[in-house]
N, C-alpha and C. Protein backbone atom coordinates (compact mmCIF):
# COMPACT_ATOMS: atom_id res chain seq x y z
N CYS A 1 -67.08 -17.72 -8.12
CA CYS A 1 -65.69 -18.05 -7.83
C CYS A 1 -65.04 -16.89 -7.07
N PHE A 2 -63.97 -17.23 -6.38
CA PHE A 2 -63.16 -16.20 -5.72
C PHE A 2 -61.72 -16.71 -5.66
N ALA A 3 -60.80 -15.83 -5.31
CA ALA A 3 -59.38 -16.18 -5.26
C ALA A 3 -58.86 -16.02 -3.84
N LEU A 4 -57.88 -16.87 -3.49
CA LEU A 4 -57.21 -16.79 -2.21
C LEU A 4 -55.70 -16.82 -2.44
N LYS A 5 -54.97 -16.04 -1.67
CA LYS A 5 -53.51 -16.12 -1.72
C LYS A 5 -53.05 -17.13 -0.68
N VAL A 6 -52.23 -18.08 -1.13
CA VAL A 6 -51.78 -19.17 -0.26
C VAL A 6 -50.67 -18.68 0.67
N GLN A 7 -50.81 -19.05 1.93
CA GLN A 7 -49.77 -18.79 2.93
C GLN A 7 -49.46 -20.11 3.59
N GLY A 8 -48.22 -20.55 3.49
CA GLY A 8 -47.83 -21.79 4.14
C GLY A 8 -47.50 -22.88 3.13
N ASN A 9 -47.11 -24.03 3.67
CA ASN A 9 -46.64 -25.11 2.81
C ASN A 9 -47.39 -26.42 3.01
N SER A 10 -48.59 -26.36 3.52
CA SER A 10 -49.32 -27.59 3.82
C SER A 10 -49.78 -28.36 2.58
N MET A 11 -49.75 -27.74 1.40
CA MET A 11 -50.23 -28.42 0.20
C MET A 11 -49.17 -28.51 -0.89
N ILE A 12 -47.88 -28.46 -0.50
CA ILE A 12 -46.81 -28.44 -1.51
C ILE A 12 -46.74 -29.71 -2.34
N ASP A 13 -47.10 -30.85 -1.77
CA ASP A 13 -47.07 -32.10 -2.55
C ASP A 13 -48.21 -32.18 -3.56
N ALA A 14 -49.15 -31.25 -3.48
CA ALA A 14 -50.22 -31.12 -4.49
C ALA A 14 -49.88 -30.01 -5.48
N GLY A 15 -48.65 -29.45 -5.36
CA GLY A 15 -48.21 -28.41 -6.28
C GLY A 15 -48.70 -27.02 -5.93
N ILE A 16 -49.24 -26.85 -4.73
CA ILE A 16 -49.72 -25.54 -4.29
C ILE A 16 -48.71 -24.99 -3.29
N ASN A 17 -48.06 -23.90 -3.67
CA ASN A 17 -46.96 -23.34 -2.89
C ASN A 17 -47.31 -22.02 -2.22
N ASP A 18 -46.55 -21.68 -1.20
CA ASP A 18 -46.69 -20.40 -0.51
C ASP A 18 -46.57 -19.27 -1.53
N GLY A 19 -47.48 -18.33 -1.51
CA GLY A 19 -47.47 -17.20 -2.44
C GLY A 19 -48.32 -17.40 -3.69
N ASP A 20 -48.71 -18.65 -3.98
CA ASP A 20 -49.59 -18.89 -5.13
C ASP A 20 -50.97 -18.30 -4.87
N TRP A 21 -51.70 -18.07 -5.93
CA TRP A 21 -53.11 -17.72 -5.84
C TRP A 21 -53.90 -18.93 -6.32
N VAL A 22 -54.97 -19.27 -5.60
CA VAL A 22 -55.85 -20.35 -6.04
C VAL A 22 -57.23 -19.79 -6.33
N ILE A 23 -57.86 -20.35 -7.33
CA ILE A 23 -59.23 -19.98 -7.70
C ILE A 23 -60.16 -21.02 -7.08
N ILE A 24 -61.13 -20.53 -6.35
CA ILE A 24 -62.06 -21.40 -5.62
C ILE A 24 -63.45 -21.27 -6.23
N GLU A 25 -64.03 -22.41 -6.59
CA GLU A 25 -65.43 -22.44 -7.03
C GLU A 25 -66.27 -22.74 -5.80
N LYS A 26 -67.23 -21.86 -5.53
CA LYS A 26 -68.06 -22.02 -4.33
C LYS A 26 -68.80 -23.36 -4.37
N ASN A 27 -68.72 -24.05 -3.24
CA ASN A 27 -69.36 -25.35 -3.06
C ASN A 27 -69.30 -25.63 -1.57
N ASN A 28 -70.33 -26.23 -1.01
CA ASN A 28 -70.32 -26.48 0.43
C ASN A 28 -70.27 -27.96 0.78
N LYS A 29 -69.86 -28.80 -0.18
CA LYS A 29 -69.80 -30.23 0.05
C LYS A 29 -68.36 -30.73 0.08
N ILE A 30 -68.13 -31.75 0.89
CA ILE A 30 -66.84 -32.43 0.91
C ILE A 30 -66.80 -33.38 -0.29
N ILE A 31 -65.81 -33.19 -1.15
CA ILE A 31 -65.65 -34.04 -2.32
C ILE A 31 -64.30 -34.73 -2.21
N LYS A 32 -64.34 -36.03 -2.13
CA LYS A 32 -63.12 -36.83 -1.97
C LYS A 32 -62.16 -36.56 -3.12
N SER A 33 -60.90 -36.45 -2.81
CA SER A 33 -59.78 -36.26 -3.74
C SER A 33 -59.72 -34.86 -4.35
N LYS A 34 -60.53 -33.92 -3.89
CA LYS A 34 -60.45 -32.53 -4.35
C LYS A 34 -59.85 -31.68 -3.24
N VAL A 35 -59.04 -30.69 -3.63
CA VAL A 35 -58.51 -29.75 -2.64
C VAL A 35 -59.61 -28.75 -2.33
N LEU A 36 -59.91 -28.61 -1.06
CA LEU A 36 -61.01 -27.76 -0.62
C LEU A 36 -60.50 -26.55 0.16
N ALA A 37 -61.24 -25.46 0.08
CA ALA A 37 -61.03 -24.31 0.94
C ALA A 37 -62.02 -24.47 2.09
N ILE A 38 -61.49 -24.56 3.31
CA ILE A 38 -62.32 -24.87 4.47
C ILE A 38 -62.12 -23.80 5.54
N LEU A 39 -63.22 -23.24 6.00
CA LEU A 39 -63.21 -22.26 7.07
C LEU A 39 -63.30 -23.00 8.41
N ILE A 40 -62.34 -22.71 9.30
CA ILE A 40 -62.30 -23.36 10.61
C ILE A 40 -62.66 -22.35 11.68
N ASP A 41 -63.62 -22.71 12.52
CA ASP A 41 -64.05 -21.87 13.65
C ASP A 41 -64.40 -20.44 13.23
N SER A 42 -64.90 -20.28 12.02
CA SER A 42 -65.30 -18.97 11.48
C SER A 42 -64.15 -17.96 11.51
N GLN A 43 -62.89 -18.44 11.51
CA GLN A 43 -61.77 -17.52 11.64
C GLN A 43 -60.72 -17.66 10.55
N GLU A 44 -60.31 -18.87 10.23
CA GLU A 44 -59.23 -19.03 9.26
C GLU A 44 -59.63 -20.01 8.17
N VAL A 45 -59.15 -19.72 6.96
CA VAL A 45 -59.40 -20.61 5.83
C VAL A 45 -58.14 -21.40 5.56
N THR A 46 -58.32 -22.69 5.33
CA THR A 46 -57.20 -23.57 5.02
C THR A 46 -57.52 -24.36 3.76
N LEU A 47 -56.48 -24.73 3.03
CA LEU A 47 -56.64 -25.61 1.88
C LEU A 47 -56.21 -27.00 2.31
N LYS A 48 -57.09 -27.97 2.16
CA LYS A 48 -56.80 -29.34 2.55
C LYS A 48 -57.70 -30.30 1.77
N TYR A 49 -57.29 -31.57 1.76
CA TYR A 49 -58.20 -32.65 1.39
C TYR A 49 -59.04 -32.93 2.63
N ALA A 50 -60.24 -33.45 2.46
CA ALA A 50 -61.09 -33.73 3.62
C ALA A 50 -61.69 -35.12 3.49
N LYS A 51 -61.86 -35.75 4.65
CA LYS A 51 -62.42 -37.09 4.71
C LYS A 51 -63.39 -37.14 5.87
N LEU A 52 -64.60 -37.62 5.62
CA LEU A 52 -65.57 -37.81 6.70
C LEU A 52 -65.17 -39.05 7.49
N VAL A 53 -64.91 -38.88 8.77
CA VAL A 53 -64.57 -40.00 9.63
C VAL A 53 -65.85 -40.68 10.10
N ASP A 54 -66.80 -39.88 10.51
CA ASP A 54 -68.15 -40.33 10.85
C ASP A 54 -69.08 -39.13 10.70
N LYS A 55 -70.32 -39.24 11.13
CA LYS A 55 -71.26 -38.14 10.90
C LYS A 55 -70.92 -36.86 11.66
N ASN A 56 -70.03 -36.95 12.66
CA ASN A 56 -69.68 -35.78 13.46
C ASN A 56 -68.24 -35.31 13.30
N LEU A 57 -67.41 -36.09 12.62
CA LEU A 57 -65.98 -35.80 12.59
C LEU A 57 -65.45 -35.77 11.17
N VAL A 58 -64.65 -34.72 10.88
CA VAL A 58 -64.03 -34.56 9.56
C VAL A 58 -62.52 -34.49 9.77
N GLN A 59 -61.79 -35.21 8.95
CA GLN A 59 -60.33 -35.18 8.99
C GLN A 59 -59.85 -34.30 7.85
N LEU A 60 -59.02 -33.30 8.17
CA LEU A 60 -58.41 -32.43 7.17
C LEU A 60 -56.99 -32.92 6.92
N ILE A 61 -56.69 -33.22 5.66
CA ILE A 61 -55.46 -33.90 5.30
C ILE A 61 -54.58 -32.99 4.45
N PRO A 62 -53.39 -32.65 4.96
CA PRO A 62 -52.47 -31.82 4.17
C PRO A 62 -51.78 -32.65 3.09
N ALA A 63 -51.26 -31.98 2.08
CA ALA A 63 -50.47 -32.63 1.05
C ALA A 63 -49.01 -32.23 1.28
N ASN A 64 -48.51 -32.63 2.44
CA ASN A 64 -47.13 -32.38 2.83
C ASN A 64 -46.75 -33.51 3.77
N LYS A 65 -45.81 -34.34 3.35
CA LYS A 65 -45.46 -35.53 4.12
C LYS A 65 -44.93 -35.21 5.52
N ASN A 66 -44.55 -33.97 5.76
CA ASN A 66 -44.04 -33.58 7.07
C ASN A 66 -45.15 -33.14 8.04
N LEU A 67 -46.38 -33.06 7.56
CA LEU A 67 -47.50 -32.62 8.40
C LEU A 67 -48.50 -33.76 8.57
N LYS A 68 -49.19 -33.76 9.69
CA LYS A 68 -50.16 -34.80 9.99
C LYS A 68 -51.59 -34.27 9.83
N PRO A 69 -52.53 -35.15 9.47
CA PRO A 69 -53.94 -34.74 9.40
C PRO A 69 -54.45 -34.30 10.77
N LYS A 70 -55.45 -33.44 10.76
CA LYS A 70 -56.12 -33.00 11.99
C LYS A 70 -57.61 -33.27 11.84
N SER A 71 -58.24 -33.63 12.95
CA SER A 71 -59.68 -33.91 12.93
C SER A 71 -60.44 -32.80 13.65
N TYR A 72 -61.62 -32.50 13.10
CA TYR A 72 -62.48 -31.45 13.66
C TYR A 72 -63.92 -31.96 13.72
N HIS A 73 -64.64 -31.53 14.74
CA HIS A 73 -66.07 -31.80 14.76
C HIS A 73 -66.70 -31.03 13.61
N PHE A 74 -67.68 -31.65 12.96
CA PHE A 74 -68.29 -31.10 11.76
C PHE A 74 -68.80 -29.68 11.95
N GLU A 75 -69.30 -29.34 13.13
CA GLU A 75 -69.84 -27.99 13.33
C GLU A 75 -68.76 -26.92 13.40
N ARG A 76 -67.49 -27.30 13.52
CA ARG A 76 -66.39 -26.32 13.56
C ARG A 76 -65.90 -25.90 12.19
N ILE A 77 -66.29 -26.64 11.16
CA ILE A 77 -65.79 -26.32 9.83
C ILE A 77 -66.92 -25.97 8.87
N GLU A 78 -66.55 -25.24 7.82
CA GLU A 78 -67.49 -24.91 6.75
C GLU A 78 -66.73 -24.95 5.43
N VAL A 79 -67.14 -25.84 4.55
CA VAL A 79 -66.50 -25.92 3.24
C VAL A 79 -66.89 -24.68 2.44
N GLN A 80 -65.88 -23.95 1.96
CA GLN A 80 -66.11 -22.73 1.19
C GLN A 80 -66.14 -23.01 -0.31
N GLY A 81 -65.38 -24.04 -0.75
CA GLY A 81 -65.35 -24.34 -2.17
C GLY A 81 -64.22 -25.29 -2.54
N ILE A 82 -64.09 -25.51 -3.85
CA ILE A 82 -63.12 -26.43 -4.42
C ILE A 82 -62.09 -25.64 -5.22
N VAL A 83 -60.83 -26.00 -5.09
CA VAL A 83 -59.78 -25.37 -5.90
C VAL A 83 -59.95 -25.84 -7.35
N ILE A 84 -60.15 -24.87 -8.26
CA ILE A 84 -60.32 -25.21 -9.67
C ILE A 84 -59.22 -24.61 -10.55
N GLY A 85 -58.38 -23.77 -9.95
CA GLY A 85 -57.31 -23.15 -10.73
C GLY A 85 -56.24 -22.61 -9.81
N GLN A 86 -55.11 -22.26 -10.42
CA GLN A 86 -53.98 -21.79 -9.65
C GLN A 86 -53.15 -20.83 -10.48
N ILE A 87 -52.63 -19.80 -9.83
CA ILE A 87 -51.77 -18.82 -10.49
C ILE A 87 -50.51 -18.70 -9.66
N ARG A 88 -49.37 -18.83 -10.32
CA ARG A 88 -48.09 -18.67 -9.63
C ARG A 88 -47.42 -17.43 -10.20
N VAL A 89 -47.13 -16.47 -9.35
CA VAL A 89 -46.46 -15.25 -9.77
C VAL A 89 -44.98 -15.42 -9.49
N LEU A 90 -44.18 -15.28 -10.52
CA LEU A 90 -42.73 -15.47 -10.36
C LEU A 90 -42.00 -14.17 -10.19
C-alpha cells in the first residue's frame, strides 16, 4: 500500500476532497465501481472510476457532476491501485 495527497475536486461526489490523503492498495487491474489511482502518460496520477470502452480505449470517469469523462488509449494509462482508505486532516 501507499498514500497519495489529493489535489483537486474531481472526486468530490465520492467523498474525496482536495487535501485528503487516500490509501492505495497496489493493483494493476481496472475494477468496475472502485476508485482507482491511474498514472497517465507516465507523468501524473489521477483518481477516477474507469470503464473499458473497447480493447484499446479506457474512459476515466470523475465523481463530480461538473466534469466530463475523458478517454485514453490503453497504452497511455497504468492502473497503480485501488483506493481502500481515506484520511481527512482538519
